[in-house]
Structure formats: structure tokens, C-alpha cells
Amino acid sequence: PLELRNLSKSIEAMSDSIHDKIEEIENKNKKLKKEIAERKQIEAE
């Protein structure tokens, strides 16, 4: 039925949105770790 198709579409969109947010957070974490590593290297120097 149309209601189930709409519900399926909403769940899939929610899953994609959560995946994009997690990927964005992981990229920010990688960037932050890189900055921290660079800062530690500068501090060590």
C-alpha cells in the first residue's frame, strides 16, 4: 500500500541521513586527530 511505501521511503531517507551525519563526524574526527598530531609534533619541536 501507499502508506507502507511512504514509510519505507522515510526509513531509507533516515538511514541515509544518519549515514551522512556519521560520515561527516568521522571526517571531522580524522581532521581533528590530524590537527592534534600536527600540534603535538610542533610542540615536540
PDB file of all heavy atoms in Angstrom:
ATOM      1  N   PRO A   1       0.820  -1.222   0.000  1.00  0.00           N
ATOM      2  CA  PRO A   1       0.000   0.000   0.000  1.00  0.00           C
ATOM      3  C   PRO A   1       0.850   1.267   0.000  1.00  0.00           C
ATOM      4  O   PRO A   1       2.040   1.244   0.310  1.00  0.00           O
ATOM      5  CB  PRO A   1      -0.807  -0.132   1.311  1.00  0.00           C
ATOM      6  CG  PRO A   1      -0.784  -1.581   1.640  1.00  0.00           C
ATOM      7  CD  PRO A   1       0.532  -2.092   1.143  1.00  0.00           C
ATOM      8  N   LEU A   2       0.221   2.370  -0.357  1.00  0.00           N
ATOM      9  CA  LEU A   2       0.926   3.644  -0.450  1.00  0.00           C
ATOM     10  C   LEU A   2       1.540   4.034   0.891  1.00  0.00           C
ATOM     11  O   LEU A   2       2.662   4.560   0.938  1.00  0.00           O
ATOM     12  CB  LEU A   2      -0.057   4.729  -0.924  1.00  0.00           C
ATOM     13  CG  LEU A   2       0.509   6.151  -1.033  1.00  0.00           C
ATOM     14  CD1 LEU A   2       1.643   6.196  -2.052  1.00  0.00           C
ATOM     15  CD2 LEU A   2      -0.597   7.128  -1.427  1.00  0.00           C
ATOM     16  N   GLU A   3       0.823   3.781   1.985  1.00  0.00           N
ATOM     17  CA  GLU A   3       1.335   4.153   3.302  1.00  0.00           C
ATOM     18  C   GLU A   3       2.630   3.413   3.614  1.00  0.00           C
ATOM     19  O   GLU A   3       3.590   3.999   4.133  1.00  0.00           O
ATOM     20  CB  GLU A   3       0.294   3.865   4.394  1.00  0.00           C
ATOM     21  CG  GLU A   3      -0.945   4.744   4.343  1.00  0.00           C
ATOM     22  CD  GLU A   3      -1.929   4.303   3.263  1.00  0.00           C
ATOM     23  OE1 GLU A   3      -1.681   3.245   2.652  1.00  0.00           O
ATOM     24  OE2 GLU A   3      -2.927   5.022   3.054  1.00  0.00           O
ATOM     25  N   LEU A   4       2.664   2.102   3.286  1.00  0.00           N
ATOM     26  CA  LEU A   4       3.878   1.327   3.543  1.00  0.00           C
ATOM     27  C   LEU A   4       5.021   1.779   2.644  1.00  0.00           C
ATOM     28  O   LEU A   4       6.175   1.824   3.069  1.00  0.00           O
ATOM     29  CB  LEU A   4       3.601  -0.161   3.329  1.00  0.00           C
ATOM     30  CG  LEU A   4       2.747  -0.853   4.401  1.00  0.00           C
ATOM     31  CD1 LEU A   4       2.513  -2.306   4.038  1.00  0.00           C
ATOM     32  CD2 LEU A   4       3.418  -0.751   5.754  1.00  0.00           C
ATOM     33  N   ARG A   5       4.719   2.127   1.406  1.00  0.00           N
ATOM     34  CA  ARG A   5       5.773   2.615   0.506  1.00  0.00           C
ATOM     35  C   ARG A   5       6.344   3.932   1.017  1.00  0.00           C
ATOM     36  O   ARG A   5       7.562   4.146   0.979  1.00  0.00           O
ATOM     37  CB  ARG A   5       5.208   2.786  -0.910  1.00  0.00           C
ATOM     38  CG  ARG A   5       4.802   1.471  -1.573  1.00  0.00           C
ATOM     39  CD  ARG A   5       4.735   1.604  -3.091  1.00  0.00           C
ATOM     40  NE  ARG A   5       3.796   2.630  -3.508  1.00  0.00           N
ATOM     41  CZ  ARG A   5       2.518   2.428  -3.763  1.00  0.00           C
ATOM     42  NH1 ARG A   5       2.007   1.204  -3.634  1.00  0.00           N
ATOM     43  NH2 ARG A   5       1.723   3.410  -4.160  1.00  0.00           N
ATOM     44  N   ASN A   6       5.463   4.814   1.490  1.00  0.00           N
ATOM     45  CA  ASN A   6       5.931   6.089   2.047  1.00  0.00           C
ATOM     46  C   ASN A   6       6.765   5.861   3.305  1.00  0.00           C
ATOM     47  O   ASN A   6       7.782   6.528   3.522  1.00  0.00           O
ATOM     48  CB  ASN A   6       4.743   6.991   2.365  1.00  0.00           C
ATOM     49  CG  ASN A   6       4.052   7.501   1.107  1.00  0.00           C
ATOM     50  OD1 ASN A   6       4.659   7.564   0.036  1.00  0.00           O
ATOM     51  ND2 ASN A   6       2.792   7.856   1.216  1.00  0.00           N
ATOM     52  N   LEU A   7       6.311   4.898   4.146  1.00  0.00           N
ATOM     53  CA  LEU A   7       7.074   4.586   5.361  1.00  0.00           C
ATOM     54  C   LEU A   7       8.436   4.021   5.013  1.00  0.00           C
ATOM     55  O   LEU A   7       9.456   4.387   5.629  1.00  0.00           O
ATOM     56  CB  LEU A   7       6.288   3.600   6.223  1.00  0.00           C
ATOM     57  CG  LEU A   7       6.939   3.179   7.548  1.00  0.00           C
ATOM     58  CD1 LEU A   7       7.193   4.390   8.426  1.00  0.00           C
ATOM     59  CD2 LEU A   7       6.065   2.167   8.271  1.00  0.00           C
ATOM     60  N   SER A   8       8.494   3.137   4.024  1.00  0.00           N
ATOM     61  CA  SER A   8       9.774   2.574   3.586  1.00  0.00           C
ATOM     62  C   SER A   8      10.700   3.665   3.066  1.00  0.00           C
ATOM     63  O   SER A   8      11.898   3.683   3.362  1.00  0.00           O
ATOM     64  CB  SER A   8       9.536   1.519   2.500  1.00  0.00           C
ATOM     65  OG  SER A   8       8.725   0.467   2.980  1.00  0.00           O
ATOM     66  N   LYS A   9      10.137   4.579   2.304  1.00  0.00           N
ATOM     67  CA  LYS A   9      10.936   5.678   1.758  1.00  0.00           C
ATOM     68  C   LYS A   9      11.476   6.558   2.876  1.00  0.00           C
ATOM     69  O   LYS A   9      12.634   6.995   2.836  1.00  0.00           O
ATOM     70  CB  LYS A   9      10.063   6.500   0.800  1.00  0.00           C
ATOM     71  CG  LYS A   9      10.812   7.600   0.070  1.00  0.00           C
ATOM     72  CD  LYS A   9       9.884   8.309  -0.910  1.00  0.00           C
ATOM     73  CE  LYS A   9      10.624   9.420  -1.645  1.00  0.00           C
ATOM     74  NZ  LYS A   9       9.714  10.123  -2.599  1.00  0.00           N
ATOM     75  N   SER A  10      10.653   6.810   3.895  1.00  0.00           N
ATOM     76  CA  SER A  10      11.086   7.653   5.014  1.00  0.00           C
ATOM     77  C   SER A  10      12.199   6.972   5.811  1.00  0.00           C
ATOM     78  O   SER A  10      13.181   7.621   6.200  1.00  0.00           O
ATOM     79  CB  SER A  10       9.890   7.951   5.928  1.00  0.00           C
ATOM     80  OG  SER A  10       8.887   8.659   5.229  1.00  0.00           O
ATOM     81  N   ILE A  11      12.061   5.653   6.052  1.00  0.00           N
ATOM     82  CA  ILE A  11      13.091   4.927   6.792  1.00  0.00           C
ATOM     83  C   ILE A  11      14.400   4.923   6.016  1.00  0.00           C
ATOM     84  O   ILE A  11      15.486   5.115   6.589  1.00  0.00           O
ATOM     85  CB  ILE A  11      12.619   3.490   7.086  1.00  0.00           C
ATOM     86  CG1 ILE A  11      11.469   3.517   8.106  1.00  0.00           C
ATOM     87  CG2 ILE A  11      13.765   2.626   7.604  1.00  0.00           C
ATOM     88  CD1 ILE A  11      10.895   2.158   8.419  1.00  0.00           C
ATOM     89  N   GLU A  12      14.331   4.725   4.717  1.00  0.00           N
ATOM     90  CA  GLU A  12      15.542   4.725   3.896  1.00  0.00           C
ATOM     91  C   GLU A  12      16.190   6.103   3.890  1.00  0.00           C
ATOM     92  O   GLU A  12      17.422   6.218   3.967  1.00  0.00           O
ATOM     93  CB  GLU A  12      15.196   4.289   2.477  1.00  0.00           C
ATOM     94  CG  GLU A  12      16.408   4.002   1.617  1.00  0.00           C
ATOM     95  CD  GLU A  12      16.036   3.336   0.300  1.00  0.00           C
ATOM     96  OE1 GLU A  12      15.014   2.629   0.263  1.00  0.00           O
ATOM     97  OE2 GLU A  12      16.774   3.540  -0.679  1.00  0.00           O
ATOM     98  N   ALA A  13      15.370   7.153   3.807  1.00  0.00           N
ATOM     99  CA  ALA A  13      15.920   8.513   3.844  1.00  0.00           C
ATOM    100  C   ALA A  13      16.565   8.790   5.195  1.00  0.00           C
ATOM    101  O   ALA A  13      17.631   9.424   5.276  1.00  0.00           O
ATOM    102  CB  ALA A  13      14.802   9.521   3.562  1.00  0.00           C
ATOM    103  N   MET A  14      15.936   8.316   6.283  1.00  0.00           N
ATOM    104  CA  MET A  14      16.513   8.493   7.616  1.00  0.00           C
ATOM    105  C   MET A  14      17.844   7.767   7.728  1.00  0.00           C
ATOM    106  O   MET A  14      18.807   8.307   8.275  1.00  0.00           O
ATOM    107  CB  MET A  14      15.538   7.966   8.670  1.00  0.00           C
ATOM    108  CG  MET A  14      16.047   8.073  10.105  1.00  0.00           C
ATOM    109  SD  MET A  14      14.951   7.265  11.294  1.00  0.00           S
ATOM    110  CE  MET A  14      15.165   5.549  10.815  1.00  0.00           C
ATOM    111  N   SER A  15      17.906   6.539   7.192  1.00  0.00           N
ATOM    112  CA  SER A  15      19.147   5.773   7.230  1.00  0.00           C
ATOM    113  C   SER A  15      20.258   6.492   6.469  1.00  0.00           C
ATOM    114  O   SER A  15      21.392   6.597   6.948  1.00  0.00           O
ATOM    115  CB  SER A  15      18.909   4.381   6.631  1.00  0.00           C
ATOM    116  OG  SER A  15      20.117   3.656   6.555  1.00  0.00           O
ATOM    117  N   ASP A  16      19.944   7.015   5.287  1.00  0.00           N
ATOM    118  CA  ASP A  16      20.943   7.747   4.504  1.00  0.00           C
ATOM    119  C   ASP A  16      21.401   9.001   5.224  1.00  0.00           C
ATOM    120  O   ASP A  16      22.594   9.346   5.209  1.00  0.00           O
ATOM    121  CB  ASP A  16      20.372   8.100   3.127  1.00  0.00           C
ATOM    122  CG  ASP A  16      20.114   6.869   2.274  1.00  0.00           C
ATOM    123  OD1 ASP A  16      20.731   5.825   2.549  1.00  0.00           O
ATOM    124  OD2 ASP A  16      19.297   6.955   1.331  1.00  0.00           O
ATOM    125  N   SER A  17      20.439   9.692   5.867  1.00  0.00           N
ATOM    126  CA  SER A  17      20.795  10.921   6.584  1.00  0.00           C
ATOM    127  C   SER A  17      21.713  10.634   7.766  1.00  0.00           C
ATOM    128  O   SER A  17      22.710  11.334   7.984  1.00  0.00           O
ATOM    129  CB  SER A  17      19.511  11.615   7.070  1.00  0.00           C
ATOM    130  OG  SER A  17      19.819  12.763   7.817  1.00  0.00           O
ATOM    131  N   ILE A  18      21.395   9.562   8.526  1.00  0.00           N
ATOM    132  CA  ILE A  18      22.245   9.185   9.661  1.00  0.00           C
ATOM    133  C   ILE A  18      23.633   8.787   9.165  1.00  0.00           C
ATOM    134  O   ILE A  18      24.651   9.151   9.762  1.00  0.00           O
ATOM    135  CB  ILE A  18      21.595   8.039  10.448  1.00  0.00           C
ATOM    136  CG1 ILE A  18      20.290   8.527  11.107  1.00  0.00           C
ATOM    137  CG2 ILE A  18      22.540   7.510  11.518  1.00  0.00           C
ATOM    138  CD1 ILE A  18      19.526   7.432  11.801  1.00  0.00           C
ATOM    139  N   HIS A  19      23.668   8.044   8.058  1.00  0.00           N
ATOM    140  CA  HIS A  19      24.956   7.632   7.493  1.00  0.00           C
ATOM    141  C   HIS A  19      25.792   8.845   7.089  1.00  0.00           C
ATOM    142  O   HIS A  19      27.011   8.902   7.353  1.00  0.00           O
ATOM    143  CB  HIS A  19      24.714   6.719   6.288  1.00  0.00           C
ATOM    144  CG  HIS A  19      25.972   6.271   5.615  1.00  0.00           C
ATOM    145  ND1 HIS A  19      26.519   6.960   4.538  1.00  0.00           N
ATOM    146  CD2 HIS A  19      26.797   5.234   5.859  1.00  0.00           C
ATOM    147  CE1 HIS A  19      27.623   6.358   4.166  1.00  0.00           C
ATOM    148  NE2 HIS A  19      27.819   5.300   4.941  1.00  0.00           N
ATOM    149  N   ASP A  20      25.154   9.823   6.466  1.00  0.00           N
ATOM    150  CA  ASP A  20      25.880  11.036   6.045  1.00  0.00           C
ATOM    151  C   ASP A  20      26.396  11.800   7.256  1.00  0.00           C
ATOM    152  O   ASP A  20      27.530  12.311   7.244  1.00  0.00           O
ATOM    153  CB  ASP A  20      24.963  11.927   5.205  1.00  0.00           C
ATOM    154  CG  ASP A  20      24.612  11.292   3.864  1.00  0.00           C
ATOM    155  OD1 ASP A  20      25.345  10.384   3.436  1.00  0.00           O
ATOM    156  OD2 ASP A  20      23.596  11.707   3.254  1.00  0.00           O
ATOM    157  N   LYS A  21      25.569  11.890   8.322  1.00  0.00           N
ATOM    158  CA  LYS A  21      25.992  12.610   9.520  1.00  0.00           C
ATOM    159  C   LYS A  21      27.173  11.904  10.184  1.00  0.00           C
ATOM    160  O   LYS A  21      28.140  12.554  10.615  1.00  0.00           O
ATOM    161  CB  LYS A  21      24.824  12.715  10.504  1.00  0.00           C
ATOM    162  CG  LYS A  21      23.707  13.641  10.055  1.00  0.00           C
ATOM    163  CD  LYS A  21      24.180  15.086   9.961  1.00  0.00           C
ATOM    164  CE  LYS A  21      23.030  16.006   9.575  1.00  0.00           C
ATOM    165  NZ  LYS A  21      23.467  17.421   9.443  1.00  0.00           N
ATOM    166  N   ILE A  22      27.090  10.577  10.275  1.00  0.00           N
ATOM    167  CA  ILE A  22      28.189   9.820  10.887  1.00  0.00           C
ATOM    168  C   ILE A  22      29.463   9.975  10.065  1.00  0.00           C
ATOM    169  O   ILE A  22      30.562  10.145  10.609  1.00  0.00           O
ATOM    170  CB  ILE A  22      27.794   8.333  11.021  1.00  0.00           C
ATOM    171  CG1 ILE A  22      26.680   8.181  12.061  1.00  0.00           C
ATOM    172  CG2 ILE A  22      29.000   7.484  11.407  1.00  0.00           C
ATOM    173  CD1 ILE A  22      26.185   6.770  12.214  1.00  0.00           C
ATOM    174  N   GLU A  23      29.311   9.915   8.741  1.00  0.00           N
ATOM    175  CA  GLU A  23      30.480  10.083   7.865  1.00  0.00           C
ATOM    176  C   GLU A  23      31.077  11.475   8.043  1.00  0.00           C
ATOM    177  O   GLU A  23      32.312  11.635   8.067  1.00  0.00           O
ATOM    178  CB  GLU A  23      30.075   9.848   6.417  1.00  0.00           C
ATOM    179  CG  GLU A  23      31.252   9.785   5.460  1.00  0.00           C
ATOM    180  CD  GLU A  23      30.811   9.439   4.045  1.00  0.00           C
ATOM    181  OE1 GLU A  23      29.619   9.635   3.729  1.00  0.00           O
ATOM    182  OE2 GLU A  23      31.642   8.968   3.267  1.00  0.00           O
ATOM    183  N   GLU A  24      30.205  12.483   8.168  1.00  0.00           N
ATOM    184  CA  GLU A  24      30.699  13.850   8.382  1.00  0.00           C
ATOM    185  C   GLU A  24      31.445  13.968   9.707  1.00  0.00           C
ATOM    186  O   GLU A  24      32.514  14.595   9.784  1.00  0.00           O
ATOM    187  CB  GLU A  24      29.506  14.815   8.354  1.00  0.00           C
ATOM    188  CG  GLU A  24      29.884  16.273   8.545  1.00  0.00           C
ATOM    189  CD  GLU A  24      28.674  17.181   8.542  1.00  0.00           C
ATOM    190  OE1 GLU A  24      27.548  16.697   8.263  1.00  0.00           O
ATOM    191  OE2 GLU A  24      28.827  18.391   8.825  1.00  0.00           O
ATOM    192  N   ILE A  25      30.879  13.340  10.767  1.00  0.00           N
ATOM    193  CA  ILE A  25      31.532  13.389  12.078  1.00  0.00           C
ATOM    194  C   ILE A  25      32.871  12.651  12.032  1.00  0.00           C
ATOM    195  O   ILE A  25      33.873  13.115  12.609  1.00  0.00           O
ATOM    196  CB  ILE A  25      30.610  12.766  13.144  1.00  0.00           C
ATOM    197  CG1 ILE A  25      29.376  13.658  13.339  1.00  0.00           C
ATOM    198  CG2 ILE A  25      31.341  12.593  14.466  1.00  0.00           C
ATOM    199  CD1 ILE A  25      28.328  13.067  14.250  1.00  0.00           C
ATOM    200  N   GLU A  26      32.906  11.500  11.351  1.00  0.00           N
ATOM    201  CA  GLU A  26      34.163  10.752  11.235  1.00  0.00           C
ATOM    202  C   GLU A  26      35.220  11.559  10.491  1.00  0.00           C
ATOM    203  O   GLU A  26      36.398  11.545  10.877  1.00  0.00           O
ATOM    204  CB  GLU A  26      33.907   9.422  10.517  1.00  0.00           C
ATOM    205  CG  GLU A  26      33.116   8.419  11.352  1.00  0.00           C
ATOM    206  CD  GLU A  26      32.825   7.140  10.596  1.00  0.00           C
ATOM    207  OE1 GLU A  26      33.047   7.134   9.356  1.00  0.00           O
ATOM    208  OE2 GLU A  26      32.393   6.164  11.220  1.00  0.00           O
ATOM    209  N   ASN A  27      34.811  12.256   9.440  1.00  0.00           N
ATOM    210  CA  ASN A  27      35.771  13.095   8.707  1.00  0.00           C
ATOM    211  C   ASN A  27      36.297  14.227   9.593  1.00  0.00           C
ATOM    212  O   ASN A  27      37.498  14.542   9.568  1.00  0.00           O
ATOM    213  CB  ASN A  27      35.114  13.664   7.451  1.00  0.00           C
ATOM    214  CG  ASN A  27      34.828  12.591   6.404  1.00  0.00           C
ATOM    215  OD1 ASN A  27      35.506  11.571   6.357  1.00  0.00           O
ATOM    216  ND2 ASN A  27      33.835  12.833   5.566  1.00  0.00           N
ATOM    217  N   LYS A  28      35.388  14.817  10.382  1.00  0.00           N
ATOM    218  CA  LYS A  28      35.828  15.877  11.302  1.00  0.00           C
ATOM    219  C   LYS A  28      36.770  15.324  12.367  1.00  0.00           C
ATOM    220  O   LYS A  28      37.743  15.993  12.745  1.00  0.00           O
ATOM    221  CB  LYS A  28      34.609  16.535  11.942  1.00  0.00           C
ATOM    222  CG  LYS A  28      33.797  17.408  10.991  1.00  0.00           C
ATOM    223  CD  LYS A  28      32.642  18.086  11.707  1.00  0.00           C
ATOM    224  CE  LYS A  28      31.861  18.985  10.753  1.00  0.00           C
ATOM    225  NZ  LYS A  28      30.715  19.656  11.434  1.00  0.00           N
ATOM    226  N   ASN A  29      36.463  14.105  12.852  1.00  0.00           N
ATOM    227  CA  ASN A  29      37.339  13.489  13.843  1.00  0.00           C
ATOM    228  C   ASN A  29      38.718  13.207  13.255  1.00  0.00           C
ATOM    229  O   ASN A  29      39.745  13.405  13.920  1.00  0.00           O
ATOM    230  CB  ASN A  29      36.718  12.189  14.359  1.00  0.00           C
ATOM    231  CG  ASN A  29      35.549  12.440  15.306  1.00  0.00           C
ATOM    232  OD1 ASN A  29      35.440  13.509  15.885  1.00  0.00           O
ATOM    233  ND2 ASN A  29      34.678  11.455  15.457  1.00  0.00           N
ATOM    234  N   LYS A  30      38.739  12.721  12.011  1.00  0.00           N
ATOM    235  CA  LYS A  30      40.027  12.473  11.359  1.00  0.00           C
ATOM    236  C   LYS A  30      40.819  13.776  11.216  1.00  0.00           C
ATOM    237  O   LYS A  30      42.032  13.814  11.460  1.00  0.00           O
ATOM    238  CB  LYS A  30      39.801  11.845   9.984  1.00  0.00           C
ATOM    239  CG  LYS A  30      39.295  10.407  10.044  1.00  0.00           C
ATOM    240  CD  LYS A  30      39.090   9.855   8.642  1.00  0.00           C
ATOM    241  CE  LYS A  30      38.568   8.410   8.677  1.00  0.00           C
ATOM    242  NZ  LYS A  30      38.331   7.878   7.303  1.00  0.00           N
ATOM    243  N   LYS A  31      40.114  14.834  10.815  1.00  0.00           N
ATOM    244  CA  LYS A  31      40.777  16.127  10.658  1.00  0.00           C
ATOM    245  C   LYS A  31      41.291  16.634  11.994  1.00  0.00           C
ATOM    246  O   LYS A  31      42.408  17.166  12.095  1.00  0.00           O
ATOM    247  CB  LYS A  31      39.791  17.124  10.040  1.00  0.00           C
ATOM    248  CG  LYS A  31      40.407  18.475   9.743  1.00  0.00           C
ATOM    249  CD  LYS A  31      39.391  19.408   9.092  1.00  0.00           C
ATOM    250  CE  LYS A  31      39.998  20.765   8.796  1.00  0.00           C
ATOM    251  NZ  LYS A  31      39.015  21.688   8.168  1.00  0.00           N
ATOM    252  N   LEU A  32      40.453  16.452  13.043  1.00  0.00           N
ATOM    253  CA  LEU A  32      40.852  16.895  14.378  1.00  0.00           C
ATOM    254  C   LEU A  32      42.049  16.099  14.882  1.00  0.00           C
ATOM    255  O   LEU A  32      42.987  16.672  15.463  1.00  0.00           O
ATOM    256  CB  LEU A  32      39.675  16.752  15.335  1.00  0.00           C
ATOM    257  CG  LEU A  32      39.909  17.206  16.780  1.00  0.00           C
ATOM    258  CD1 LEU A  32      40.269  18.682  16.820  1.00  0.00           C
ATOM    259  CD2 LEU A  32      38.676  16.932  17.632  1.00  0.00           C
ATOM    260  N   LYS A  33      42.042  14.772  14.651  1.00  0.00           N
ATOM    261  CA  LYS A  33      43.182  13.955  15.062  1.00  0.00           C
ATOM    262  C   LYS A  33      44.457  14.375  14.331  1.00  0.00           C
ATOM    263  O   LYS A  33      45.539  14.395  14.919  1.00  0.00           O
ATOM    264  CB  LYS A  33      42.881  12.478  14.790  1.00  0.00           C
ATOM    265  CG  LYS A  33      41.843  11.885  15.725  1.00  0.00           C
ATOM    266  CD  LYS A  33      41.589  10.426  15.395  1.00  0.00           C
ATOM    267  CE  LYS A  33      40.552   9.821  16.332  1.00  0.00           C
ATOM    268  NZ  LYS A  33      40.289   8.389  16.015  1.00  0.00           N
ATOM    269  N   LYS A  34      44.293  14.693  13.053  1.00  0.00           N
ATOM    270  CA  LYS A  34      45.452  15.137  12.280  1.00  0.00           C
ATOM    271  C   LYS A  34      45.988  16.454  12.835  1.00  0.00           C
ATOM    272  O   LYS A  34      47.206  16.630  12.984  1.00  0.00           O
ATOM    273  CB  LYS A  34      45.057  15.298  10.813  1.00  0.00           C
ATOM    274  CG  LYS A  34      46.202  15.699   9.910  1.00  0.00           C
ATOM    275  CD  LYS A  34      45.740  15.810   8.457  1.00  0.00           C
ATOM    276  CE  LYS A  34      46.904  16.232   7.557  1.00  0.00           C
ATOM    277  NZ  LYS A  34      46.472  16.360   6.140  1.00  0.00           N
ATOM    278  N   GLU A  35      45.064  17.390  13.171  1.00  0.00           N
ATOM    279  CA  GLU A  35      45.491  18.674  13.731  1.00  0.00           C
ATOM    280  C   GLU A  35      46.173  18.483  15.082  1.00  0.00           C
ATOM    281  O   GLU A  35      47.162  19.149  15.395  1.00  0.00           O
ATOM    282  CB  GLU A  35      44.282  19.606  13.861  1.00  0.00           C
ATOM    283  CG  GLU A  35      43.710  20.062  12.520  1.00  0.00           C
ATOM    284  CD  GLU A  35      42.479  20.936  12.684  1.00  0.00           C
ATOM    285  OE1 GLU A  35      42.007  21.069  13.837  1.00  0.00           O
ATOM    286  OE2 GLU A  35      41.994  21.481  11.678  1.00  0.00           O
ATOM    287  N   ILE A  36      45.606  17.559  15.902  1.00  0.00           N
ATOM    288  CA  ILE A  36      46.205  17.296  17.214  1.00  0.00           C
ATOM    289  C   ILE A  36      47.602  16.702  17.044  1.00  0.00           C
ATOM    290  O   ILE A  36      48.550  17.082  17.750  1.00  0.00           O
ATOM    291  CB  ILE A  36      45.305  16.346  18.029  1.00  0.00           C
ATOM    292  CG1 ILE A  36      44.000  17.066  18.403  1.00  0.00           C
ATOM    293  CG2 ILE A  36      46.016  15.858  19.275  1.00  0.00           C
ATOM    294  CD1 ILE A  36      42.987  16.177  19.093  1.00  0.00           C
ATOM    295  N   ALA A  37      47.733  15.754  16.071  1.00  0.00           N
ATOM    296  CA  ALA A  37      49.047  15.153  15.823  1.00  0.00           C
ATOM    297  C   ALA A  37      50.045  16.206  15.349  1.00  0.00           C
ATOM    298  O   ALA A  37      51.208  16.221  15.792  1.00  0.00           O
ATOM    299  CB  ALA A  37      48.913  14.038  14.783  1.00  0.00           C
ATOM    300  N   GLU A  38      49.596  17.097  14.456  1.00  0.00           N
ATOM    301  CA  GLU A  38      50.481  18.158  13.972  1.00  0.00           C
ATOM    302  C   GLU A  38      50.864  19.103  15.107  1.00  0.00           C
ATOM    303  O   GLU A  38      52.022  19.537  15.205  1.00  0.00           O
ATOM    304  CB  GLU A  38      49.791  18.933  12.846  1.00  0.00           C
ATOM    305  CG  GLU A  38      49.610  18.107  11.567  1.00  0.00           C
ATOM    306  CD  GLU A  38      48.830  18.870  10.510  1.00  0.00           C
ATOM    307  OE1 GLU A  38      48.299  19.954  10.836  1.00  0.00           O
ATOM    308  OE2 GLU A  38      48.759  18.392   9.349  1.00  0.00           O
ATOM    309  N   ARG A  39      49.873  19.413  15.977  1.00  0.00           N
ATOM    310  CA  ARG A  39      50.166  20.312  17.101  1.00  0.00           C
ATOM    311  C   ARG A  39      51.147  19.665  18.065  1.00  0.00           C
ATOM    312  O   ARG A  39      52.070  20.332  18.576  1.00  0.00           O
ATOM    313  CB  ARG A  39      48.864  20.665  17.817  1.00  0.00           C
ATOM    314  CG  ARG A  39      49.046  21.636  18.978  1.00  0.00           C
ATOM    315  CD  ARG A  39      47.714  22.070  19.542  1.00  0.00           C
ATOM    316  NE  ARG A  39      46.950  22.815  18.554  1.00  0.00           N
ATOM    317  CZ  ARG A  39      45.734  23.306  18.784  1.00  0.00           C
ATOM    318  NH1 ARG A  39      45.152  23.107  19.954  1.00  0.00           N
ATOM    319  NH2 ARG A  39      45.104  23.982  17.843  1.00  0.00           N
ATOM    320  N   LYS A  40      50.965  18.359  18.320  1.00  0.00           N
ATOM    321  CA  LYS A  40      51.903  17.664  19.207  1.00  0.00           C
ATOM    322  C   LYS A  40      53.297  17.645  18.602  1.00  0.00           C
ATOM    323  O   LYS A  40      54.302  17.794  19.325  1.00  0.00           O
ATOM    324  CB  LYS A  40      51.422  16.241  19.456  1.00  0.00           C
ATOM    325  CG  LYS A  40      50.224  16.157  20.387  1.00  0.00           C
ATOM    326  CD  LYS A  40      49.847  14.711  20.649  1.00  0.00           C
ATOM    327  CE  LYS A  40      48.666  14.623  21.636  1.00  0.00           C
ATOM    328  NZ  LYS A  40      48.291  13.206  21.901  1.00  0.00           N
ATOM    329  N   GLN A  41      53.345  17.468  17.278  1.00  0.00           N
ATOM    330  CA  GLN A  41      54.651  17.477  16.622  1.00  0.00           C
ATOM    331  C   GLN A  41      55.305  18.847  16.745  1.00  0.00           C
ATOM    332  O   GLN A  41      56.512  18.948  17.015  1.00  0.00           O
ATOM    333  CB  GLN A  41      54.485  17.091  15.147  1.00  0.00           C
ATOM    334  CG  GLN A  41      55.811  17.001  14.394  1.00  0.00           C
ATOM    335  CD  GLN A  41      55.613  16.577  12.949  1.00  0.00           C
ATOM    336  OE1 GLN A  41      54.486  16.298  12.524  1.00  0.00           O
ATOM    337  NE2 GLN A  41      56.691  16.513  12.183  1.00  0.00           N
ATOM    338  N   ILE A  42      54.489  19.900  16.548  1.00  0.00           N
ATOM    339  CA  ILE A  42      55.032  21.264  16.682  1.00  0.00           C
ATOM    340  C   ILE A  42      55.498  21.514  18.114  1.00  0.00           C
ATOM    341  O   ILE A  42      56.568  22.093  18.350  1.00  0.00           O
ATOM    342  CB  ILE A  42      53.972  22.295  16.262  1.00  0.00           C
ATOM    343  CG1 ILE A  42      53.687  22.176  14.761  1.00  0.00           C
ATOM    344  CG2 ILE A  42      54.425  23.709  16.611  1.00  0.00           C
ATOM    345  CD1 ILE A  42      52.542  23.051  14.288  1.00  0.00           C
ATOM    346  N   GLU A  43      54.676  21.045  19.090  1.00  0.00           N
ATOM    347  CA  GLU A  43      55.055  21.226  20.491  1.00  0.00           C
ATOM    348  C   GLU A  43      56.348  20.477  20.805  1.00  0.00           C
ATOM    349  O   GLU A  43      57.197  20.972  21.546  1.00  0.00           O
ATOM    350  CB  GLU A  43      53.918  20.743  21.393  1.00  0.00           C
ATOM    351  CG  GLU A  43      52.686  21.641  21.358  1.00  0.00           C
ATOM    352  CD  GLU A  43      51.552  21.085  22.206  1.00  0.00           C
ATOM    353  OE1 GLU A  43      51.697  19.941  22.705  1.00  0.00           O
ATOM    354  OE2 GLU A  43      50.543  21.786  22.373  1.00  0.00           O
ATOM    355  N   ALA A  44      56.446  19.257  20.240  1.00  0.00           N
ATOM    356  CA  ALA A  44      57.679  18.490  20.469  1.00  0.00           C
ATOM    357  C   ALA A  44      58.880  19.209  19.866  1.00  0.00           C
ATOM    358  O   ALA A  44      59.967  19.259  20.483  1.00  0.00           O
ATOM    359  CB  ALA A  44      57.531  17.091  19.866  1.00  0.00           C
ATOM    360  N   GLU A  45      58.711  19.776  18.671  1.00  0.00           N
ATOM    361  CA  GLU A  45      59.799  20.512  18.035  1.00  0.00           C
ATOM    362  C   GLU A  45      60.159  21.760  18.843  1.00  0.00           C
ATOM    363  O   GLU A  45      61.354  22.084  19.005  1.00  0.00           O
ATOM    364  CB  GLU A  45      59.406  20.899  16.610  1.00  0.00           C
ATOM    365  CG  GLU A  45      59.276  19.697  15.671  1.00  0.00           C
ATOM    366  CD  GLU A  45      58.769  20.103  14.294  1.00  0.00           C
ATOM    367  OE1 GLU A  45      58.449  21.286  14.117  1.00  0.00           O
ATOM    368  OE2 GLU A  45      58.713  19.226  13.397  1.00  0.00           O
TER     369      GLU A  45
END
